[in-house]
Amino acid sequence: MIARLWHGATPAARAQEYLRYLEQVGLPGYLGIAGFQRAQILTRIEGPTAHFLVVSYWDSMEAIARFAGDPIDRAQYYPRDAEFLLELEPKVLHYEVAAGS
């Protein structure tokens, strides 16, 4: 299994609004992609900035490619992301899941 990690940051004052947007638009974007397992959204407020880490789990790199295209480490953005995010980070990270429960 492969974990795909995407990071984004918004002004803290817009954190709840962006979280709702991710739940309504971002997470459903994974559904229906063969090989998608599940996803989690992690948040952290640090002063005036809210950080978001989306961790999605996939069967394989091929499954991720069905979602992300080529290159697979390119971040995928949704139509309103630029309204919220302080920066459109260009890349994501992939990790092989070595252990878990």
C-alpha atoms as a PDB file:
ATOM      1  CA  MET A   1       0.000   0.000   0.000  1.00  0.00           C
ATOM      2  CA  ILE A   2       1.170   3.522  -0.803  1.00  0.00           C
ATOM      3  CA  ALA A   3       0.410   6.667   1.223  1.00  0.00           C
ATOM      4  CA  ARG A   4       0.197   9.931  -0.735  1.00  0.00           C
ATOM      5  CA  LEU A   5       0.785  13.055   1.389  1.00  0.00           C
ATOM      6  CA  TRP A   6      -0.330  16.498   0.291  1.00  0.00           C
ATOM      7  CA  HIS A   7       0.239  19.657   2.358  1.00  0.00           C
ATOM      8  CA  GLY A   8      -1.540  22.967   2.073  1.00  0.00           C
ATOM      9  CA  ALA A   9      -1.915  26.044   4.285  1.00  0.00           C
ATOM     10  CA  THR A  10      -4.630  28.662   4.639  1.00  0.00           C
ATOM     11  CA  PRO A  11      -5.155  31.655   6.906  1.00  0.00           C
ATOM     12  CA  ALA A  12      -6.331  30.257  10.262  1.00  0.00           C
ATOM     13  CA  ALA A  13      -9.507  32.346  10.000  1.00  0.00           C
ATOM     14  CA  ARG A  14     -10.541  30.327   6.918  1.00  0.00           C
ATOM     15  CA  ALA A  15      -9.577  26.883   8.210  1.00  0.00           C
ATOM     16  CA  GLN A  16     -13.101  25.606   8.875  1.00  0.00           C
ATOM     17  CA  GLU A  17     -14.345  26.900   5.540  1.00  0.00           C
ATOM     18  CA  TYR A  18     -11.495  25.164   3.692  1.00  0.00           C
ATOM     19  CA  LEU A  19     -12.016  21.943   5.642  1.00  0.00           C
ATOM     20  CA  ARG A  20     -15.664  21.901   4.517  1.00  0.00           C
ATOM     21  CA  TYR A  21     -14.498  22.491   0.940  1.00  0.00           C
ATOM     22  CA  LEU A  22     -12.064  19.572   1.148  1.00  0.00           C
ATOM     23  CA  GLU A  23     -14.806  17.328   2.543  1.00  0.00           C
ATOM     24  CA  GLN A  24     -17.263  18.345  -0.194  1.00  0.00           C
ATOM     25  CA  VAL A  25     -14.935  18.511  -3.209  1.00  0.00           C
ATOM     26  CA  GLY A  26     -11.511  17.046  -2.443  1.00  0.00           C
ATOM     27  CA  LEU A  27     -12.353  13.764  -0.751  1.00  0.00           C
ATOM     28  CA  PRO A  28     -15.092  12.808  -3.226  1.00  0.00           C
ATOM     29  CA  GLY A  29     -12.494  13.269  -5.984  1.00  0.00           C
ATOM     30  CA  TYR A  30     -10.816  10.059  -4.795  1.00  0.00           C
ATOM     31  CA  LEU A  31     -13.961   7.961  -4.822  1.00  0.00           C
ATOM     32  CA  GLY A  32     -14.433   5.807  -7.847  1.00  0.00           C
ATOM     33  CA  ILE A  33     -10.703   5.641  -8.601  1.00  0.00           C
ATOM     34  CA  ALA A  34      -9.774   1.951  -8.743  1.00  0.00           C
ATOM     35  CA  GLY A  35      -7.205   1.221  -6.058  1.00  0.00           C
ATOM     36  CA  PHE A  36      -8.186   4.048  -3.684  1.00  0.00           C
ATOM     37  CA  GLN A  37      -8.445   2.771  -0.104  1.00  0.00           C
ATOM     38  CA  ARG A  38      -9.201   5.689   2.217  1.00  0.00           C
ATOM     39  CA  ALA A  39      -8.095   9.213   3.131  1.00  0.00           C
ATOM     40  CA  GLN A  40      -7.598  11.324   6.226  1.00  0.00           C
ATOM     41  CA  ILE A  41      -7.398  15.087   6.654  1.00  0.00           C
ATOM     42  CA  LEU A  42      -5.104  16.263   9.439  1.00  0.00           C
ATOM     43  CA  THR A  43      -5.092  19.898  10.588  1.00  0.00           C
ATOM     44  CA  ARG A  44      -2.855  22.041  12.769  1.00  0.00           C
ATOM     45  CA  ILE A  45      -3.245  25.721  13.647  1.00  0.00           C
ATOM     46  CA  GLU A  46       0.078  27.487  14.006  1.00  0.00           C
ATOM     47  CA  GLY A  47      -0.418  31.147  14.816  1.00  0.00           C
ATOM     48  CA  PRO A  48      -2.150  32.839  11.878  1.00  0.00           C
ATOM     49  CA  THR A  49      -1.781  29.778   9.635  1.00  0.00           C
ATOM     50  CA  ALA A  50      -3.786  26.561   9.388  1.00  0.00           C
ATOM     51  CA  HIS A  51      -1.905  23.587   7.960  1.00  0.00           C
ATOM     52  CA  PHE A  52      -3.675  20.722   6.216  1.00  0.00           C
ATOM     53  CA  LEU A  53      -2.171  17.335   5.532  1.00  0.00           C
ATOM     54  CA  VAL A  54      -4.236  15.008   3.367  1.00  0.00           C
ATOM     55  CA  VAL A  55      -3.056  11.412   3.586  1.00  0.00           C
ATOM     56  CA  SER A  56      -4.628   9.114   1.041  1.00  0.00           C
ATOM     57  CA  TYR A  57      -3.979   5.380   0.811  1.00  0.00           C
ATOM     58  CA  TRP A  58      -3.735   3.506  -2.465  1.00  0.00           C
ATOM     59  CA  ASP A  59      -3.173  -0.081  -3.579  1.00  0.00           C
ATOM     60  CA  SER A  60      -0.240   0.838  -5.826  1.00  0.00           C
ATOM     61  CA  MET A  61       1.568   3.573  -7.714  1.00  0.00           C
ATOM     62  CA  GLU A  62      -0.501   2.576 -10.748  1.00  0.00           C
ATOM     63  CA  ALA A  63      -3.663   3.380  -8.791  1.00  0.00           C
ATOM     64  CA  ILE A  64      -2.232   6.784  -7.869  1.00  0.00           C
ATOM     65  CA  ALA A  65      -1.420   7.398 -11.529  1.00  0.00           C
ATOM     66  CA  ARG A  66      -5.093   6.867 -12.385  1.00  0.00           C
ATOM     67  CA  PHE A  67      -5.886   9.758 -10.039  1.00  0.00           C
ATOM     68  CA  ALA A  68      -2.882  12.043 -10.503  1.00  0.00           C
ATOM     69  CA  GLY A  69      -1.753  11.466 -14.061  1.00  0.00           C
ATOM     70  CA  ASP A  70       1.866  11.983 -15.031  1.00  0.00           C
ATOM     71  CA  PRO A  71       3.995  12.855 -13.186  1.00  0.00           C
ATOM     72  CA  ILE A  72       2.366  11.220 -10.190  1.00  0.00           C
ATOM     73  CA  ASP A  73       4.148  13.436  -7.676  1.00  0.00           C
ATOM     74  CA  ARG A  74       2.443  16.549  -9.079  1.00  0.00           C
ATOM     75  CA  ALA A  75      -0.118  17.984  -6.657  1.00  0.00           C
ATOM     76  CA  GLN A  76      -3.727  17.990  -7.841  1.00  0.00           C
ATOM     77  CA  TYR A  77      -5.822  21.090  -7.161  1.00  0.00           C
ATOM     78  CA  TYR A  78      -9.529  21.793  -7.278  1.00  0.00           C
ATOM     79  CA  PRO A  79     -11.217  24.892  -8.769  1.00  0.00           C
ATOM     80  CA  ARG A  80     -11.451  26.993  -5.586  1.00  0.00           C
ATOM     81  CA  ASP A  81      -8.165  25.950  -3.926  1.00  0.00           C
ATOM     82  CA  ALA A  82      -6.422  29.175  -5.006  1.00  0.00           C
ATOM     83  CA  GLU A  83      -9.069  31.176  -3.105  1.00  0.00           C
ATOM     84  CA  PHE A  84      -8.018  29.536   0.167  1.00  0.00           C
ATOM     85  CA  LEU A  85      -4.416  28.377  -0.041  1.00  0.00           C
ATOM     86  CA  LEU A  86      -1.454  30.591   0.735  1.00  0.00           C
ATOM     87  CA  GLU A  87       0.603  28.694  -1.851  1.00  0.00           C
ATOM     88  CA  LEU A  88      -0.084  26.001  -4.436  1.00  0.00           C
ATOM     89  CA  GLU A  89       2.685  23.602  -3.529  1.00  0.00           C
ATOM     90  CA  PRO A  90       3.718  21.780  -6.701  1.00  0.00           C
ATOM     91  CA  LYS A  91       4.499  18.310  -5.343  1.00  0.00           C
ATOM     92  CA  VAL A  92       3.266  15.624  -3.011  1.00  0.00           C
ATOM     93  CA  LEU A  93       5.176  12.847  -1.255  1.00  0.00           C
ATOM     94  CA  HIS A  94       4.643   9.108  -1.513  1.00  0.00           C
ATOM     95  CA  TYR A  95       5.556   6.546   1.131  1.00  0.00           C
ATOM     96  CA  GLU A  96       5.248   2.792   1.133  1.00  0.00           C
ATOM     97  CA  VAL A  97       3.189   1.767   4.155  1.00  0.00           C
ATOM     98  CA  ALA A  98       5.556  -0.528   6.026  1.00  0.00           C
ATOM     99  CA  ALA A  99       3.471  -1.271   9.131  1.00  0.00           C
ATOM    100  CA  GLY A 100       0.191  -0.317  10.757  1.00  0.00           C
ATOM    101  CA  SER A 101      -2.854  -1.560  12.561  1.00  0.00           C
END
